[in-house]
Amino acid sequence: MQIIPMQLEITGAVPSKFQIDDYIEDCVNVSALVALDETQGGIGRGAEIFKYKTSTDISEFKDIDFTNPVVADCQVEMVKKGKKMVLVLKSLKFKQPAVQPVKA
């Protein structure tokens, strides 16, 4: 198991809990900006989905203002599942308070 420290710009999160046949998923899908592969002609950044804890942990994101991407220090593990690679967030710590503005 290799844990990779990285800083991510988080753009949002959505809970995911379902079962299809023998496959069960229960996590928060966290969207973050990542650089596109310039060696393949990519320009700019795209969004990548990272799996995080369980669907009930969406509460960790409820007070975050995602009007703009929010920077977080993360520990990421790359896990091979069949033919595809899944990115799993092992830890996530937002760099600054990014709470919703108080409505008057």
C-alpha atoms as a PDB file:
ATOM      1  CA  MET A   1       0.000   0.000   0.000  1.00  0.00           C
ATOM      2  CA  GLN A   2       1.429   3.339  -1.047  1.00  0.00           C
ATOM      3  CA  ILE A   3       0.031   6.556   0.405  1.00  0.00           C
ATOM      4  CA  ILE A   4       0.768   9.683  -1.623  1.00  0.00           C
ATOM      5  CA  PRO A   5       0.572  13.114   0.025  1.00  0.00           C
ATOM      6  CA  MET A   6      -0.883  15.768  -2.256  1.00  0.00           C
ATOM      7  CA  GLN A   7      -2.640  19.082  -2.187  1.00  0.00           C
ATOM      8  CA  LEU A   8      -5.967  19.078  -4.009  1.00  0.00           C
ATOM      9  CA  GLU A   9      -8.427  21.770  -5.030  1.00  0.00           C
ATOM     10  CA  ILE A  10     -11.776  20.283  -3.989  1.00  0.00           C
ATOM     11  CA  THR A  11     -14.770  21.387  -6.068  1.00  0.00           C
ATOM     12  CA  GLY A  12     -17.556  19.413  -4.368  1.00  0.00           C
ATOM     13  CA  ALA A  13     -18.735  16.137  -2.858  1.00  0.00           C
ATOM     14  CA  VAL A  14     -21.728  13.800  -3.155  1.00  0.00           C
ATOM     15  CA  PRO A  15     -22.678  10.743  -1.069  1.00  0.00           C
ATOM     16  CA  SER A  16     -22.843   7.426  -2.915  1.00  0.00           C
ATOM     17  CA  LYS A  17     -24.506   4.355  -1.439  1.00  0.00           C
ATOM     18  CA  PHE A  18     -25.858   1.521  -3.587  1.00  0.00           C
ATOM     19  CA  GLN A  19     -25.580  -2.176  -4.376  1.00  0.00           C
ATOM     20  CA  ILE A  20     -25.613  -3.891  -7.770  1.00  0.00           C
ATOM     21  CA  ASP A  21     -25.417  -7.676  -7.558  1.00  0.00           C
ATOM     22  CA  ASP A  22     -22.235  -8.393  -5.547  1.00  0.00           C
ATOM     23  CA  TYR A  23     -20.877  -4.836  -5.821  1.00  0.00           C
ATOM     24  CA  ILE A  24     -21.518  -2.524  -2.855  1.00  0.00           C
ATOM     25  CA  GLU A  25     -20.472   1.104  -2.770  1.00  0.00           C
ATOM     26  CA  ASP A  26     -20.726   3.297   0.304  1.00  0.00           C
ATOM     27  CA  CYS A  27     -18.556   6.409   0.150  1.00  0.00           C
ATOM     28  CA  VAL A  28     -18.430  10.105  -0.568  1.00  0.00           C
ATOM     29  CA  ASN A  29     -17.355  10.904  -4.137  1.00  0.00           C
ATOM     30  CA  VAL A  30     -15.102  13.941  -3.841  1.00  0.00           C
ATOM     31  CA  SER A  31     -14.433  15.968  -6.982  1.00  0.00           C
ATOM     32  CA  ALA A  32     -11.049  17.703  -7.310  1.00  0.00           C
ATOM     33  CA  LEU A  33      -9.176  19.539 -10.033  1.00  0.00           C
ATOM     34  CA  VAL A  34      -6.164  17.778 -11.539  1.00  0.00           C
ATOM     35  CA  ALA A  35      -3.786  18.779 -14.329  1.00  0.00           C
ATOM     36  CA  LEU A  36      -4.518  17.295 -17.746  1.00  0.00           C
ATOM     37  CA  ASP A  37      -1.738  15.267 -19.367  1.00  0.00           C
ATOM     38  CA  GLU A  38       0.250  17.765 -21.440  1.00  0.00           C
ATOM     39  CA  THR A  39       2.159  14.912 -23.139  1.00  0.00           C
ATOM     40  CA  GLN A  40      -1.168  13.907 -24.704  1.00  0.00           C
ATOM     41  CA  GLY A  41      -2.056  17.462 -25.768  1.00  0.00           C
ATOM     42  CA  GLY A  42      -3.990  18.311 -22.609  1.00  0.00           C
ATOM     43  CA  ILE A  43      -4.322  21.949 -21.654  1.00  0.00           C
ATOM     44  CA  GLY A  44      -5.551  23.133 -18.258  1.00  0.00           C
ATOM     45  CA  ARG A  45      -7.255  21.047 -15.592  1.00  0.00           C
ATOM     46  CA  GLY A  46     -10.104  18.576 -15.347  1.00  0.00           C
ATOM     47  CA  ALA A  47     -12.082  17.061 -12.480  1.00  0.00           C
ATOM     48  CA  GLU A  48     -11.227  13.654 -11.005  1.00  0.00           C
ATOM     49  CA  ILE A  49     -13.337  11.685  -8.528  1.00  0.00           C
ATOM     50  CA  PHE A  50     -11.782  10.380  -5.319  1.00  0.00           C
ATOM     51  CA  LYS A  51     -13.532   7.906  -2.970  1.00  0.00           C
ATOM     52  CA  TYR A  52     -13.682   9.026   0.689  1.00  0.00           C
ATOM     53  CA  LYS A  53     -14.807   7.131   3.812  1.00  0.00           C
ATOM     54  CA  THR A  54     -18.569   6.317   3.877  1.00  0.00           C
ATOM     55  CA  SER A  55     -21.660   8.139   2.606  1.00  0.00           C
ATOM     56  CA  THR A  56     -22.511   9.410   6.098  1.00  0.00           C
ATOM     57  CA  ASP A  57     -19.236  11.395   6.082  1.00  0.00           C
ATOM     58  CA  ILE A  58     -20.822  13.885   3.660  1.00  0.00           C
ATOM     59  CA  SER A  59     -21.443  15.895   6.850  1.00  0.00           C
ATOM     60  CA  GLU A  60     -17.743  16.897   6.777  1.00  0.00           C
ATOM     61  CA  PHE A  61     -18.513  18.948   3.642  1.00  0.00           C
ATOM     62  CA  LYS A  62     -21.899  20.501   4.495  1.00  0.00           C
ATOM     63  CA  ASP A  63     -20.576  23.869   5.727  1.00  0.00           C
ATOM     64  CA  ILE A  64     -17.933  24.313   3.025  1.00  0.00           C
ATOM     65  CA  ASP A  65     -18.411  27.091   0.473  1.00  0.00           C
ATOM     66  CA  PHE A  66     -17.597  25.500  -2.890  1.00  0.00           C
ATOM     67  CA  THR A  67     -18.274  28.673  -4.920  1.00  0.00           C
ATOM     68  CA  ASN A  68     -14.568  28.350  -5.796  1.00  0.00           C
ATOM     69  CA  PRO A  69     -12.347  25.277  -5.366  1.00  0.00           C
ATOM     70  CA  VAL A  70     -11.152  24.793  -1.768  1.00  0.00           C
ATOM     71  CA  VAL A  71      -7.545  23.703  -1.144  1.00  0.00           C
ATOM     72  CA  ALA A  72      -7.004  20.646   1.062  1.00  0.00           C
ATOM     73  CA  ASP A  73      -3.997  18.623   2.187  1.00  0.00           C
ATOM     74  CA  CYS A  74      -4.744  14.987   1.385  1.00  0.00           C
ATOM     75  CA  GLN A  75      -3.318  11.507   1.689  1.00  0.00           C
ATOM     76  CA  VAL A  76      -4.276   9.488  -1.397  1.00  0.00           C
ATOM     77  CA  GLU A  77      -4.018   5.773  -2.075  1.00  0.00           C
ATOM     78  CA  MET A  78      -4.271   4.325  -5.597  1.00  0.00           C
ATOM     79  CA  VAL A  79      -6.169   1.030  -5.500  1.00  0.00           C
ATOM     80  CA  LYS A  80      -6.514  -1.347  -8.462  1.00  0.00           C
ATOM     81  CA  LYS A  81     -10.070  -2.664  -8.854  1.00  0.00           C
ATOM     82  CA  GLY A  82     -10.334  -5.004 -11.794  1.00  0.00           C
ATOM     83  CA  LYS A  83      -9.135  -3.149 -14.891  1.00  0.00           C
ATOM     84  CA  LYS A  84      -9.423   0.327 -13.421  1.00  0.00           C
ATOM     85  CA  MET A  85      -7.587   2.376 -10.837  1.00  0.00           C
ATOM     86  CA  VAL A  86      -9.565   3.975  -7.986  1.00  0.00           C
ATOM     87  CA  LEU A  87      -8.244   6.974  -6.074  1.00  0.00           C
ATOM     88  CA  VAL A  88      -9.055   6.717  -2.361  1.00  0.00           C
ATOM     89  CA  LEU A  89      -8.725   9.707  -0.036  1.00  0.00           C
ATOM     90  CA  LYS A  90      -7.342   8.357   3.227  1.00  0.00           C
ATOM     91  CA  SER A  91      -7.327  11.781   4.891  1.00  0.00           C
ATOM     92  CA  LEU A  92      -8.468  15.279   4.019  1.00  0.00           C
ATOM     93  CA  LYS A  93      -7.731  18.541   5.836  1.00  0.00           C
ATOM     94  CA  PHE A  94      -8.945  21.837   4.453  1.00  0.00           C
ATOM     95  CA  LYS A  95      -6.204  24.486   4.439  1.00  0.00           C
ATOM     96  CA  GLN A  96      -8.412  27.322   5.662  1.00  0.00           C
ATOM     97  CA  PRO A  97     -11.887  27.721   7.029  1.00  0.00           C
ATOM     98  CA  ALA A  98     -14.135  27.739   3.973  1.00  0.00           C
ATOM     99  CA  VAL A  99     -17.539  27.944   5.616  1.00  0.00           C
ATOM    100  CA  GLN A 100     -20.694  29.220   4.016  1.00  0.00           C
ATOM    101  CA  PRO A 101     -21.260  32.980   4.394  1.00  0.00           C
ATOM    102  CA  VAL A 102     -23.848  33.846   7.029  1.00  0.00           C
ATOM    103  CA  LYS A 103     -27.127  34.897   5.429  1.00  0.00           C
ATOM    104  CA  ALA A 104     -28.641  38.099   6.794  1.00  0.00           C
END
